[in-house]
Protein backbone atom coordinates (compact mmCIF):
# COMPACT_ATOMS: atom_id res chain seq x y z
CA MET A 1 8.74 21.43 4.91
CA ASN A 2 12.36 20.47 4.37
CA THR A 3 13.58 18.44 1.41
CA LYS A 4 14.04 15.25 3.44
CA LYS A 5 10.44 15.29 4.73
CA LEU A 6 9.13 16.09 1.25
CA ALA A 7 11.08 13.16 -0.24
CA GLU A 8 9.77 10.80 2.44
CA THR A 9 6.20 11.99 1.84
CA ILE A 10 6.54 11.50 -1.92
CA ILE A 11 7.98 8.01 -1.38
CA LEU A 12 5.08 7.08 0.91
CA ILE A 13 2.52 8.37 -1.62
CA VAL A 14 4.17 6.41 -4.44
CA ILE A 15 4.26 3.30 -2.27
CA ALA A 16 0.58 3.72 -1.40
CA ILE A 17 -0.33 4.02 -5.09
CA ILE A 18 1.73 0.94 -5.90
CA ALA A 19 0.09 -0.97 -3.05
CA ILE A 20 -3.37 -0.08 -4.38
CA VAL A 21 -2.43 -1.22 -7.89
CA PHE A 22 -0.98 -4.39 -6.42
CA LEU A 23 -4.17 -5.11 -4.49
CA VAL A 24 -6.36 -4.50 -7.52
CA PHE A 25 -4.36 -6.73 -9.89
CA TYR A 26 -2.88 -9.43 -7.63
CA ARG A 27 -5.82 -10.42 -5.50
CA PRO A 28 -9.13 -11.92 -6.53
CA VAL A 29 -10.86 -9.53 -8.91
CA SER A 30 -13.77 -9.00 -6.51
CA LEU A 31 -13.48 -5.73 -4.70
CA TRP A 32 -16.25 -4.12 -2.65
CA GLY A 33 -18.54 -7.06 -3.04
CA ASP A 34 -19.46 -8.02 -6.56
CA THR A 35 -17.52 -5.33 -8.45
CA LEU A 36 -15.00 -6.70 -10.94
CA TYR A 37 -12.06 -5.00 -12.63
CA GLU A 38 -10.82 -6.21 -16.01
CA PRO A 39 -7.90 -4.72 -17.97
CA VAL A 40 -8.37 -3.94 -21.67
CA TYR A 41 -5.33 -4.66 -23.85
CA THR A 42 -6.85 -4.43 -27.36
CA GLY A 43 -8.33 -1.60 -29.35
CA SER A 44 -11.55 -3.37 -30.37
CA MET A 45 -13.70 -1.01 -28.26
CA GLU A 46 -11.96 2.26 -29.08
CA PRO A 47 -12.81 5.11 -28.77
CA ALA A 48 -15.35 4.19 -26.04
CA ILE A 49 -12.75 2.14 -24.15
CA PRO A 50 -9.12 3.08 -24.87
CA VAL A 51 -6.35 0.47 -24.85
CA GLY A 52 -4.78 0.27 -21.39
CA SER A 53 -8.01 1.03 -19.55
CA VAL A 54 -9.55 -0.96 -16.74
CA VAL A 55 -13.28 -1.61 -17.06
CA VAL A 56 -15.39 -1.76 -13.94
CA ILE A 57 -17.98 -4.51 -14.27
CA LYS A 58 -21.06 -5.29 -12.19
CA PRO A 59 -22.76 -8.70 -12.47
CA VAL A 60 -26.28 -8.48 -13.88
CA ASN A 61 -29.11 -10.78 -14.73
CA PRO A 62 -28.47 -11.60 -18.43
CA GLU A 63 -32.22 -11.35 -19.06
CA THR A 64 -32.02 -7.58 -18.40
CA LEU A 65 -29.34 -6.95 -21.05
CA LYS A 66 -30.30 -5.28 -24.31
CA THR A 67 -28.78 -4.19 -27.61
CA GLY A 68 -26.21 -1.44 -27.05
CA ASP A 69 -25.11 -2.59 -23.57
CA ILE A 70 -21.38 -3.17 -23.11
CA ILE A 71 -20.73 -6.53 -21.46
CA CYS A 72 -17.74 -8.48 -20.28
CA PHE A 73 -17.80 -12.21 -21.00
CA LYS A 74 -15.61 -15.30 -21.19
CA LEU A 75 -15.28 -17.51 -24.22
CA SER A 76 -12.38 -19.46 -22.73
CA GLU A 77 -10.36 -19.26 -19.52
CA PRO A 78 -8.65 -17.00 -18.53
CA THR A 79 -9.42 -14.51 -21.30
CA SER A 80 -12.30 -12.11 -20.91
CA ILE A 81 -13.69 -9.93 -23.68
CA THR A 82 -15.51 -6.61 -23.40
CA HIS A 83 -17.76 -5.82 -26.38
CA ARG A 84 -21.08 -4.15 -27.10
CA ILE A 85 -24.24 -6.23 -27.61
CA PHE A 86 -25.10 -6.02 -31.31
CA ASN A 87 -28.14 -8.31 -31.20
CA VAL A 88 -30.02 -10.44 -28.67
CA THR A 89 -31.06 -13.95 -29.77
CA ASP A 90 -32.63 -16.97 -28.09
CA GLU A 91 -29.16 -18.60 -27.94
CA GLY A 92 -27.48 -15.58 -26.34
CA PHE A 93 -25.84 -12.36 -27.48
CA ILE A 94 -24.19 -11.36 -30.74
CA THR A 95 -21.46 -8.87 -29.83
CA GLN A 96 -19.23 -6.49 -31.72
CA GLY A 97 -16.30 -4.30 -30.80
CA ASP A 98 -16.92 -0.62 -31.60
CA ALA A 99 -13.77 -0.49 -33.74
CA ASN A 100 -14.63 -3.71 -35.61
CA ASN A 101 -16.36 -3.66 -39.01
CA ALA A 102 -18.52 -6.72 -38.39
CA PRO A 103 -20.15 -8.57 -35.49
CA ASP A 104 -18.16 -11.27 -33.70
CA LEU A 105 -18.29 -14.79 -35.17
CA TRP A 106 -19.51 -16.31 -31.91
CA THR A 107 -22.66 -16.16 -29.83
CA VAL A 108 -22.13 -15.36 -26.15
CA LYS A 109 -24.19 -17.72 -24.02
CA LYS A 110 -25.98 -16.05 -21.12
CA GLU A 111 -24.06 -18.14 -18.57
CA ASN A 112 -20.74 -16.78 -19.96
CA VAL A 113 -21.65 -13.14 -19.22
CA ILE A 114 -19.49 -11.79 -16.38
CA GLY A 115 -21.34 -8.50 -16.11
CA LYS A 116 -22.19 -5.13 -17.55
CA LEU A 117 -19.80 -2.18 -17.86
CA VAL A 118 -20.30 0.44 -15.14
CA PHE A 119 -17.44 2.79 -16.06
CA THR A 120 -13.92 2.87 -17.45
CA ILE A 121 -10.67 3.95 -15.78
CA PRO A 122 -8.32 5.03 -18.60
CA PHE A 123 -4.63 4.03 -18.69
CA ILE A 124 -4.44 2.27 -15.30
CA GLY A 125 -4.36 -1.07 -17.09
CA TYR A 126 -0.87 -0.21 -18.37
CA ILE A 127 0.37 -0.03 -14.78
CA GLY A 128 -1.15 -3.42 -14.00
CA TYR A 129 0.42 -4.91 -17.10
CA PHE A 130 3.80 -3.33 -16.27
CA VAL A 131 3.68 -4.67 -12.69
CA ARG A 132 3.32 -8.19 -14.11
CA THR A 133 6.61 -7.93 -16.02
CA PRO A 134 9.87 -8.78 -14.19
CA ILE A 135 11.26 -5.24 -14.49
CA GLY A 136 7.90 -3.75 -13.47
CA PHE A 137 7.70 -6.03 -10.43
CA ILE A 138 11.20 -4.97 -9.40
CA LEU A 139 10.61 -1.25 -9.98
CA LEU A 140 7.10 -1.00 -8.56
CA ILE A 141 7.11 -3.64 -5.80
CA ILE A 142 10.60 -4.78 -4.77
CA LEU A 143 12.35 -1.40 -4.96
CA PRO A 144 9.73 0.58 -2.96
CA ALA A 145 9.45 -2.22 -0.39
CA SER A 146 13.24 -2.23 -0.02
CA LEU A 147 13.24 1.56 0.43
CA ILE A 148 10.66 1.29 3.20
CA ILE A 149 12.66 -1.42 4.95
CA ILE A 150 15.90 0.60 4.68
CA LEU A 151 14.22 3.77 5.98
CA GLU A 152 12.70 1.88 8.90
CA ILE A 153 16.00 0.21 9.80
CA ARG A 154 17.65 3.64 9.68
CA ASN A 155 14.95 5.04 12.00
CA ILE A 156 15.37 2.13 14.43
CA ILE A 157 19.15 2.62 14.55
CA LYS A 158 18.64 6.35 15.09
CA GLU A 159 16.25 5.68 17.98
CA LEU A 160 18.63 3.18 19.57
CA LYS A 161 21.49 5.70 19.41
CA ASN A 162 19.27 8.35 21.04
CA LYS A 163 18.47 5.97 23.93
CA LYS A 164 22.05 5.37 25.09
CA PRO A 165 22.11 3.71 28.50
CA SER A 166 23.26 6.04 31.26
CA ASN A 167 26.38 5.27 33.28
CA ASN A 168 24.45 5.80 36.50
CA VAL A 169 24.28 2.39 38.19
CA HIS A 170 21.88 3.66 40.82
CA ASP A 171 18.92 1.26 41.00
CA ASP A 172 15.86 2.59 42.83
CA ALA A 173 14.58 -0.91 43.56
CA HIS A 174 17.60 -1.67 45.75
CA SER A 175 17.94 1.66 47.47
CA ILE A 176 16.69 1.82 51.01
CA GLU A 177 15.57 5.06 52.51
CA LYS A 178 16.50 5.58 56.11
CA PRO A 179 14.16 7.57 58.30
């Protein structure tokens, strides 16, 4: 494989990765049905959930949750919090971050539970955060999109040059064959 083809392949792979990140972070959080993706930007759940991770959340019936489960919940819009259930009460859940010394000062009402942690994707949250910055948007969205457009325009021009019209004015539709 020559260098030009290798470069084009690498560019396409990078663009595909960027497109996937874009779809995950800039569309509604639902993906594949009821699965939710939430970035983690604080260290309150370290080491179980490192800063910069994305947690994959599945909605659950709050009645099935128990002490030790990691849940994602909303106290106020648009912020979501991912903490471990420390205690279950009649009013809801007392939560605590693994890195915190004491339980949270609030009680999470059952209707505020978004879902239960399924698994964690480390470090991908940093990419999502970076894409939301002006320089990140330019580097990860605008620049690759511009490269694709430039490469396609170059390919179109190349194809047009290869299909030069012939100087032969002979038109089969107007030619008459004599017997």
